Amino acid sequence: HFTLYSYIKKQIKKTSGILKIKLRNIK
């Protein structure tokens, strides 16, 4: 169950986390 706020928060955190995985691996 998502409110608009919780949905935005989840999407930003998930996408940010995926990018950081990539950046850590590259580094």
PDB file of all heavy atoms in Angstrom:
ATOM      1  N   HIS A   1       0.853  -1.192   0.000  1.00  0.00           N
ATOM      2  CA  HIS A   1       0.000   0.000   0.000  1.00  0.00           C
ATOM      3  C   HIS A   1       0.886   1.239   0.000  1.00  0.00           C
ATOM      4  O   HIS A   1       1.761   1.398   0.848  1.00  0.00           O
ATOM      5  CB  HIS A   1      -0.925   0.032   1.218  1.00  0.00           C
ATOM      6  CG  HIS A   1      -1.747   1.285   1.275  1.00  0.00           C
ATOM      7  ND1 HIS A   1      -2.788   1.520   0.394  1.00  0.00           N
ATOM      8  CD2 HIS A   1      -1.653   2.380   2.064  1.00  0.00           C
ATOM      9  CE1 HIS A   1      -3.310   2.713   0.662  1.00  0.00           C
ATOM     10  NE2 HIS A   1      -2.637   3.251   1.665  1.00  0.00           N
ATOM     11  N   PHE A   2       0.663   2.103  -0.982  1.00  0.00           N
ATOM     12  CA  PHE A   2       1.454   3.318  -1.113  1.00  0.00           C
ATOM     13  C   PHE A   2       0.567   4.551  -1.099  1.00  0.00           C
ATOM     14  O   PHE A   2      -0.494   4.572  -1.724  1.00  0.00           O
ATOM     15  CB  PHE A   2       2.233   3.324  -2.437  1.00  0.00           C
ATOM     16  CG  PHE A   2       3.286   2.275  -2.546  1.00  0.00           C
ATOM     17  CD1 PHE A   2       3.074   1.138  -3.321  1.00  0.00           C
ATOM     18  CD2 PHE A   2       4.492   2.405  -1.883  1.00  0.00           C
ATOM     19  CE1 PHE A   2       4.046   0.165  -3.436  1.00  0.00           C
ATOM     20  CE2 PHE A   2       5.482   1.434  -1.987  1.00  0.00           C
ATOM     21  CZ  PHE A   2       5.250   0.314  -2.766  1.00  0.00           C
ATOM     22  N   THR A   3       1.026   5.564  -0.373  1.00  0.00           N
ATOM     23  CA  THR A   3       0.519   6.912  -0.596  1.00  0.00           C
ATOM     24  C   THR A   3       1.424   7.517  -1.664  1.00  0.00           C
ATOM     25  O   THR A   3       2.461   6.935  -2.013  1.00  0.00           O
ATOM     26  CB  THR A   3       0.601   7.756   0.688  1.00  0.00           C
ATOM     27  OG1 THR A   3       1.997   7.873   1.069  1.00  0.00           O
ATOM     28  CG2 THR A   3      -0.175   7.100   1.830  1.00  0.00           C
ATOM     29  N   LEU A   4       1.080   8.669  -2.186  1.00  0.00           N
ATOM     30  CA  LEU A   4       1.938   9.302  -3.180  1.00  0.00           C
ATOM     31  C   LEU A   4       3.316   9.575  -2.583  1.00  0.00           C
ATOM     32  O   LEU A   4       4.351   9.326  -3.222  1.00  0.00           O
ATOM     33  CB  LEU A   4       1.318  10.606  -3.687  1.00  0.00           C
ATOM     34  CG  LEU A   4       2.144  11.372  -4.725  1.00  0.00           C
ATOM     35  CD1 LEU A   4       2.421  10.508  -5.948  1.00  0.00           C
ATOM     36  CD2 LEU A   4       1.440  12.666  -5.131  1.00  0.00           C
ATOM     37  N   TYR A   5       3.349  10.044  -1.332  1.00  0.00           N
ATOM     38  CA  TYR A   5       4.618  10.354  -0.688  1.00  0.00           C
ATOM     39  C   TYR A   5       5.476   9.106  -0.517  1.00  0.00           C
ATOM     40  O   TYR A   5       6.676   9.113  -0.842  1.00  0.00           O
ATOM     41  CB  TYR A   5       4.377  11.003   0.682  1.00  0.00           C
ATOM     42  CG  TYR A   5       5.644  11.194   1.487  1.00  0.00           C
ATOM     43  CD1 TYR A   5       6.548  12.206   1.168  1.00  0.00           C
ATOM     44  CD2 TYR A   5       5.946  10.335   2.552  1.00  0.00           C
ATOM     45  CE1 TYR A   5       7.724  12.368   1.900  1.00  0.00           C
ATOM     46  CE2 TYR A   5       7.114  10.492   3.286  1.00  0.00           C
ATOM     47  CZ  TYR A   5       7.998  11.509   2.954  1.00  0.00           C
ATOM     48  OH  TYR A   5       9.158  11.655   3.657  1.00  0.00           O
ATOM     49  N   SER A   6       4.890   8.013  -0.015  1.00  0.00           N
ATOM     50  CA  SER A   6       5.674   6.804   0.222  1.00  0.00           C
ATOM     51  C   SER A   6       6.137   6.187  -1.100  1.00  0.00           C
ATOM     52  O   SER A   6       7.217   5.592  -1.173  1.00  0.00           O
ATOM     53  CB  SER A   6       4.863   5.780   1.033  1.00  0.00           C
ATOM     54  OG  SER A   6       3.741   5.322   0.314  1.00  0.00           O
ATOM     55  N   TYR A   7       5.337   6.350  -2.134  1.00  0.00           N
ATOM     56  CA  TYR A   7       5.719   5.823  -3.444  1.00  0.00           C
ATOM     57  C   TYR A   7       6.921   6.588  -3.995  1.00  0.00           C
ATOM     58  O   TYR A   7       7.889   5.987  -4.473  1.00  0.00           O
ATOM     59  CB  TYR A   7       4.549   5.912  -4.419  1.00  0.00           C
ATOM     60  CG  TYR A   7       4.862   5.290  -5.763  1.00  0.00           C
ATOM     61  CD1 TYR A   7       4.725   3.921  -5.968  1.00  0.00           C
ATOM     62  CD2 TYR A   7       5.319   6.067  -6.825  1.00  0.00           C
ATOM     63  CE1 TYR A   7       5.027   3.340  -7.183  1.00  0.00           C
ATOM     64  CE2 TYR A   7       5.620   5.493  -8.043  1.00  0.00           C
ATOM     65  CZ  TYR A   7       5.467   4.129  -8.216  1.00  0.00           C
ATOM     66  OH  TYR A   7       5.787   3.561  -9.427  1.00  0.00           O
ATOM     67  N   ILE A   8       6.870   7.922  -3.930  1.00  0.00           N
ATOM     68  CA  ILE A   8       7.981   8.748  -4.409  1.00  0.00           C
ATOM     69  C   ILE A   8       9.252   8.411  -3.629  1.00  0.00           C
ATOM     70  O   ILE A   8      10.329   8.235  -4.202  1.00  0.00           O
ATOM     71  CB  ILE A   8       7.642  10.243  -4.267  1.00  0.00           C
ATOM     72  CG1 ILE A   8       6.536  10.626  -5.246  1.00  0.00           C
ATOM     73  CG2 ILE A   8       8.876  11.110  -4.500  1.00  0.00           C
ATOM     74  CD1 ILE A   8       6.007  12.044  -5.048  1.00  0.00           C
ATOM     75  N   LYS A   9       9.118   8.309  -2.305  1.00  0.00           N
ATOM     76  CA  LYS A   9      10.263   8.012  -1.446  1.00  0.00           C
ATOM     77  C   LYS A   9      10.891   6.670  -1.806  1.00  0.00           C
ATOM     78  O   LYS A   9      12.127   6.545  -1.909  1.00  0.00           O
ATOM     79  CB  LYS A   9       9.802   8.000   0.017  1.00  0.00           C
ATOM     80  CG  LYS A   9      10.917   7.835   1.033  1.00  0.00           C
ATOM     81  CD  LYS A   9      10.355   7.920   2.445  1.00  0.00           C
ATOM     82  CE  LYS A   9      11.450   7.705   3.492  1.00  0.00           C
ATOM     83  NZ  LYS A   9      10.904   7.768   4.872  1.00  0.00           N
ATOM     84  N   LYS A  10      10.038   5.669  -2.041  1.00  0.00           N
ATOM     85  CA  LYS A  10      10.538   4.333  -2.387  1.00  0.00           C
ATOM     86  C   LYS A  10      11.266   4.342  -3.729  1.00  0.00           C
ATOM     87  O   LYS A  10      12.357   3.774  -3.864  1.00  0.00           O
ATOM     88  CB  LYS A  10       9.378   3.357  -2.440  1.00  0.00           C
ATOM     89  CG  LYS A  10       9.793   1.947  -2.859  1.00  0.00           C
ATOM     90  CD  LYS A  10       8.758   1.326  -3.767  1.00  0.00           C
ATOM     91  CE  LYS A  10       9.246   0.014  -4.334  1.00  0.00           C
ATOM     92  NZ  LYS A  10       8.474  -0.436  -5.488  1.00  0.00           N
ATOM     93  N   GLN A  11      10.690   4.995  -4.734  1.00  0.00           N
ATOM     94  CA  GLN A  11      11.288   5.001  -6.064  1.00  0.00           C
ATOM     95  C   GLN A  11      12.636   5.713  -6.074  1.00  0.00           C
ATOM     96  O   GLN A  11      13.590   5.262  -6.707  1.00  0.00           O
ATOM     97  CB  GLN A  11      10.338   5.655  -7.073  1.00  0.00           C
ATOM     98  CG  GLN A  11       9.050   4.885  -7.329  1.00  0.00           C
ATOM     99  CD  GLN A  11       9.307   3.522  -7.945  1.00  0.00           C
ATOM    100  OE1 GLN A  11       9.764   2.590  -7.279  1.00  0.00           O
ATOM    101  NE2 GLN A  11       9.026   3.396  -9.222  1.00  0.00           N
ATOM    102  N   ILE A  12      12.709   6.832  -5.381  1.00  0.00           N
ATOM    103  CA  ILE A  12      13.961   7.586  -5.335  1.00  0.00           C
ATOM    104  C   ILE A  12      15.037   6.785  -4.611  1.00  0.00           C
ATOM    105  O   ILE A  12      16.186   6.696  -5.073  1.00  0.00           O
ATOM    106  CB  ILE A  12      13.750   8.961  -4.668  1.00  0.00           C
ATOM    107  CG1 ILE A  12      12.888   9.857  -5.573  1.00  0.00           C
ATOM    108  CG2 ILE A  12      15.084   9.636  -4.370  1.00  0.00           C
ATOM    109  CD1 ILE A  12      12.531  11.192  -4.964  1.00  0.00           C
ATOM    110  N   LYS A  13      14.692   6.171  -3.475  1.00  0.00           N
ATOM    111  CA  LYS A  13      15.671   5.379  -2.715  1.00  0.00           C
ATOM    112  C   LYS A  13      16.131   4.156  -3.497  1.00  0.00           C
ATOM    113  O   LYS A  13      17.317   3.811  -3.508  1.00  0.00           O
ATOM    114  CB  LYS A  13      15.067   4.942  -1.379  1.00  0.00           C
ATOM    115  CG  LYS A  13      15.053   6.042  -0.328  1.00  0.00           C
ATOM    116  CD  LYS A  13      14.674   5.483   1.026  1.00  0.00           C
ATOM    117  CE  LYS A  13      14.847   6.525   2.122  1.00  0.00           C
ATOM    118  NZ  LYS A  13      14.543   5.968   3.454  1.00  0.00           N
ATOM    119  N   LYS A  14      15.196   3.485  -4.161  1.00  0.00           N
ATOM    120  CA  LYS A  14      15.554   2.287  -4.925  1.00  0.00           C
ATOM    121  C   LYS A  14      16.480   2.640  -6.088  1.00  0.00           C
ATOM    122  O   LYS A  14      17.512   1.993  -6.291  1.00  0.00           O
ATOM    123  CB  LYS A  14      14.290   1.590  -5.443  1.00  0.00           C
ATOM    124  CG  LYS A  14      14.582   0.307  -6.220  1.00  0.00           C
ATOM    125  CD  LYS A  14      13.305  -0.361  -6.687  1.00  0.00           C
ATOM    126  CE  LYS A  14      12.704   0.367  -7.869  1.00  0.00           C
ATOM    127  NZ  LYS A  14      11.541  -0.341  -8.449  1.00  0.00           N
ATOM    128  N   THR A  15      16.106   3.662  -6.856  1.00  0.00           N
ATOM    129  CA  THR A  15      16.925   4.058  -8.008  1.00  0.00           C
ATOM    130  C   THR A  15      18.290   4.558  -7.566  1.00  0.00           C
ATOM    131  O   THR A  15      19.315   4.237  -8.175  1.00  0.00           O
ATOM    132  CB  THR A  15      16.206   5.154  -8.814  1.00  0.00           C
ATOM    133  OG1 THR A  15      14.868   4.741  -9.091  1.00  0.00           O
ATOM    134  CG2 THR A  15      16.920   5.421 -10.129  1.00  0.00           C
ATOM    135  N   SER A  16      18.310   5.333  -6.480  1.00  0.00           N
ATOM    136  CA  SER A  16      19.573   5.813  -5.927  1.00  0.00           C
ATOM    137  C   SER A  16      20.449   4.649  -5.498  1.00  0.00           C
ATOM    138  O   SER A  16      21.664   4.628  -5.760  1.00  0.00           O
ATOM    139  CB  SER A  16      19.299   6.727  -4.723  1.00  0.00           C
ATOM    140  OG  SER A  16      20.487   7.020  -4.030  1.00  0.00           O
ATOM    141  N   GLY A  17      19.856   3.640  -4.850  1.00  0.00           N
ATOM    142  CA  GLY A  17      20.599   2.481  -4.384  1.00  0.00           C
ATOM    143  C   GLY A  17      21.186   1.667  -5.516  1.00  0.00           C
ATOM    144  O   GLY A  17      22.329   1.202  -5.440  1.00  0.00           O
ATOM    145  N   ILE A  18      20.412   1.480  -6.598  1.00  0.00           N
ATOM    146  CA  ILE A  18      20.898   0.734  -7.761  1.00  0.00           C
ATOM    147  C   ILE A  18      22.094   1.451  -8.386  1.00  0.00           C
ATOM    148  O   ILE A  18      23.103   0.828  -8.737  1.00  0.00           O
ATOM    149  CB  ILE A  18      19.770   0.553  -8.800  1.00  0.00           C
ATOM    150  CG1 ILE A  18      18.703  -0.410  -8.265  1.00  0.00           C
ATOM    151  CG2 ILE A  18      20.333   0.026 -10.123  1.00  0.00           C
ATOM    152  CD1 ILE A  18      17.473  -0.515  -9.143  1.00  0.00           C
ATOM    153  N   LEU A  19      21.987   2.774  -8.531  1.00  0.00           N
ATOM    154  CA  LEU A  19      23.095   3.539  -9.105  1.00  0.00           C
ATOM    155  C   LEU A  19      24.350   3.414  -8.242  1.00  0.00           C
ATOM    156  O   LEU A  19      25.464   3.255  -8.760  1.00  0.00           O
ATOM    157  CB  LEU A  19      22.709   5.006  -9.255  1.00  0.00           C
ATOM    158  CG  LEU A  19      23.818   5.916  -9.812  1.00  0.00           C
ATOM    159  CD1 LEU A  19      24.206   5.489 -11.223  1.00  0.00           C
ATOM    160  CD2 LEU A  19      23.390   7.377  -9.794  1.00  0.00           C
ATOM    161  N   LYS A  20      24.180   3.469  -6.923  1.00  0.00           N
ATOM    162  CA  LYS A  20      25.339   3.379  -6.033  1.00  0.00           C
ATOM    163  C   LYS A  20      26.006   2.008  -6.120  1.00  0.00           C
ATOM    164  O   LYS A  20      27.231   1.895  -5.999  1.00  0.00           O
ATOM    165  CB  LYS A  20      24.930   3.696  -4.597  1.00  0.00           C
ATOM    166  CG  LYS A  20      24.685   5.178  -4.360  1.00  0.00           C
ATOM    167  CD  LYS A  20      24.347   5.471  -2.915  1.00  0.00           C
ATOM    168  CE  LYS A  20      24.190   6.962  -2.688  1.00  0.00           C
ATOM    169  NZ  LYS A  20      23.889   7.290  -1.277  1.00  0.00           N
ATOM    170  N   ILE A  21      25.220   0.946  -6.324  1.00  0.00           N
ATOM    171  CA  ILE A  21      25.801  -0.377  -6.541  1.00  0.00           C
ATOM    172  C   ILE A  21      26.715  -0.332  -7.763  1.00  0.00           C
ATOM    173  O   ILE A  21      27.854  -0.813  -7.744  1.00  0.00           O
ATOM    174  CB  ILE A  21      24.696  -1.443  -6.744  1.00  0.00           C
ATOM    175  CG1 ILE A  21      23.926  -1.687  -5.447  1.00  0.00           C
ATOM    176  CG2 ILE A  21      25.306  -2.759  -7.240  1.00  0.00           C
ATOM    177  CD1 ILE A  21      22.714  -2.585  -5.620  1.00  0.00           C
ATOM    178  N   LYS A  22      26.202   0.266  -8.842  1.00  0.00           N
ATOM    179  CA  LYS A  22      26.981   0.376 -10.076  1.00  0.00           C
ATOM    180  C   LYS A  22      28.252   1.173  -9.860  1.00  0.00           C
ATOM    181  O   LYS A  22      29.343   0.789 -10.294  1.00  0.00           O
ATOM    182  CB  LYS A  22      26.133   1.042 -11.167  1.00  0.00           C
ATOM    183  CG  LYS A  22      24.920   0.249 -11.608  1.00  0.00           C
ATOM    184  CD  LYS A  22      25.340  -0.948 -12.416  1.00  0.00           C
ATOM    185  CE  LYS A  22      24.137  -1.673 -12.996  1.00  0.00           C
ATOM    186  NZ  LYS A  22      24.538  -2.896 -13.721  1.00  0.00           N
ATOM    187  N   LEU A  23      28.134   2.312  -9.189  1.00  0.00           N
ATOM    188  CA  LEU A  23      29.281   3.195  -8.987  1.00  0.00           C
ATOM    189  C   LEU A  23      30.336   2.553  -8.093  1.00  0.00           C
ATOM    190  O   LEU A  23      31.539   2.694  -8.326  1.00  0.00           O
ATOM    191  CB  LEU A  23      28.812   4.532  -8.392  1.00  0.00           C
ATOM    192  CG  LEU A  23      27.937   5.394  -9.306  1.00  0.00           C
ATOM    193  CD1 LEU A  23      27.443   6.629  -8.553  1.00  0.00           C
ATOM    194  CD2 LEU A  23      28.694   5.812 -10.565  1.00  0.00           C
ATOM    195  N   ARG A  24      29.881   1.830  -7.055  1.00  0.00           N
ATOM    196  CA  ARG A  24      30.841   1.140  -6.184  1.00  0.00           C
ATOM    197  C   ARG A  24      31.602   0.064  -6.959  1.00  0.00           C
ATOM    198  O   ARG A  24      32.819  -0.103  -6.785  1.00  0.00           O
ATOM    199  CB  ARG A  24      30.126   0.515  -4.983  1.00  0.00           C
ATOM    200  CG  ARG A  24      29.659   1.504  -3.940  1.00  0.00           C
ATOM    201  CD  ARG A  24      29.309   0.806  -2.635  1.00  0.00           C
ATOM    202  NE  ARG A  24      28.291  -0.207  -2.779  1.00  0.00           N
ATOM    203  CZ  ARG A  24      26.976   0.020  -2.686  1.00  0.00           C
ATOM    204  NH1 ARG A  24      26.534   1.249  -2.452  1.00  0.00           N
ATOM    205  NH2 ARG A  24      26.117  -0.967  -2.808  1.00  0.00           N
ATOM    206  N   ASN A  25      30.883  -0.658  -7.814  1.00  0.00           N
ATOM    207  CA  ASN A  25      31.524  -1.706  -8.606  1.00  0.00           C
ATOM    208  C   ASN A  25      32.534  -1.123  -9.586  1.00  0.00           C
ATOM    209  O   ASN A  25      33.610  -1.682  -9.795  1.00  0.00           O
ATOM    210  CB  ASN A  25      30.474  -2.522  -9.356  1.00  0.00           C
ATOM    211  CG  ASN A  25      29.703  -3.454  -8.448  1.00  0.00           C
ATOM    212  OD1 ASN A  25      30.117  -3.711  -7.323  1.00  0.00           O
ATOM    213  ND2 ASN A  25      28.584  -3.959  -8.919  1.00  0.00           N
ATOM    214  N   ILE A  26      32.170  -0.011 -10.211  1.00  0.00           N
ATOM    215  CA  ILE A  26      33.081   0.639 -11.156  1.00  0.00           C
ATOM    216  C   ILE A  26      34.336   1.111 -10.433  1.00  0.00           C
ATOM    217  O   ILE A  26      35.460   0.925 -10.901  1.00  0.00           O
ATOM    218  CB  ILE A  26      32.380   1.820 -11.853  1.00  0.00           C
ATOM    219  CG1 ILE A  26      31.279   1.299 -12.785  1.00  0.00           C
ATOM    220  CG2 ILE A  26      33.384   2.660 -12.644  1.00  0.00           C
ATOM    221  CD1 ILE A  26      30.390   2.384 -13.350  1.00  0.00           C
ATOM    222  N   LYS A  27      34.145   1.715  -9.254  1.00  0.00           N
ATOM    223  CA  LYS A  27      35.286   2.241  -8.493  1.00  0.00           C
ATOM    224  C   LYS A  27      36.205   1.129  -8.017  1.00  0.00           C
ATOM    225  O   LYS A  27      37.437   1.282  -7.987  1.00  0.00           O
ATOM    226  CB  LYS A  27      34.781   3.054  -7.303  1.00  0.00           C
ATOM    227  CG  LYS A  27      35.886   3.783  -6.556  1.00  0.00           C
ATOM    228  CD  LYS A  27      35.330   4.678  -5.466  1.00  0.00           C
ATOM    229  CE  LYS A  27      36.461   5.405  -4.738  1.00  0.00           C
ATOM    230  NZ  LYS A  27      35.958   6.294  -3.656  1.00  0.00           N
TER     231      LYS A  27
END
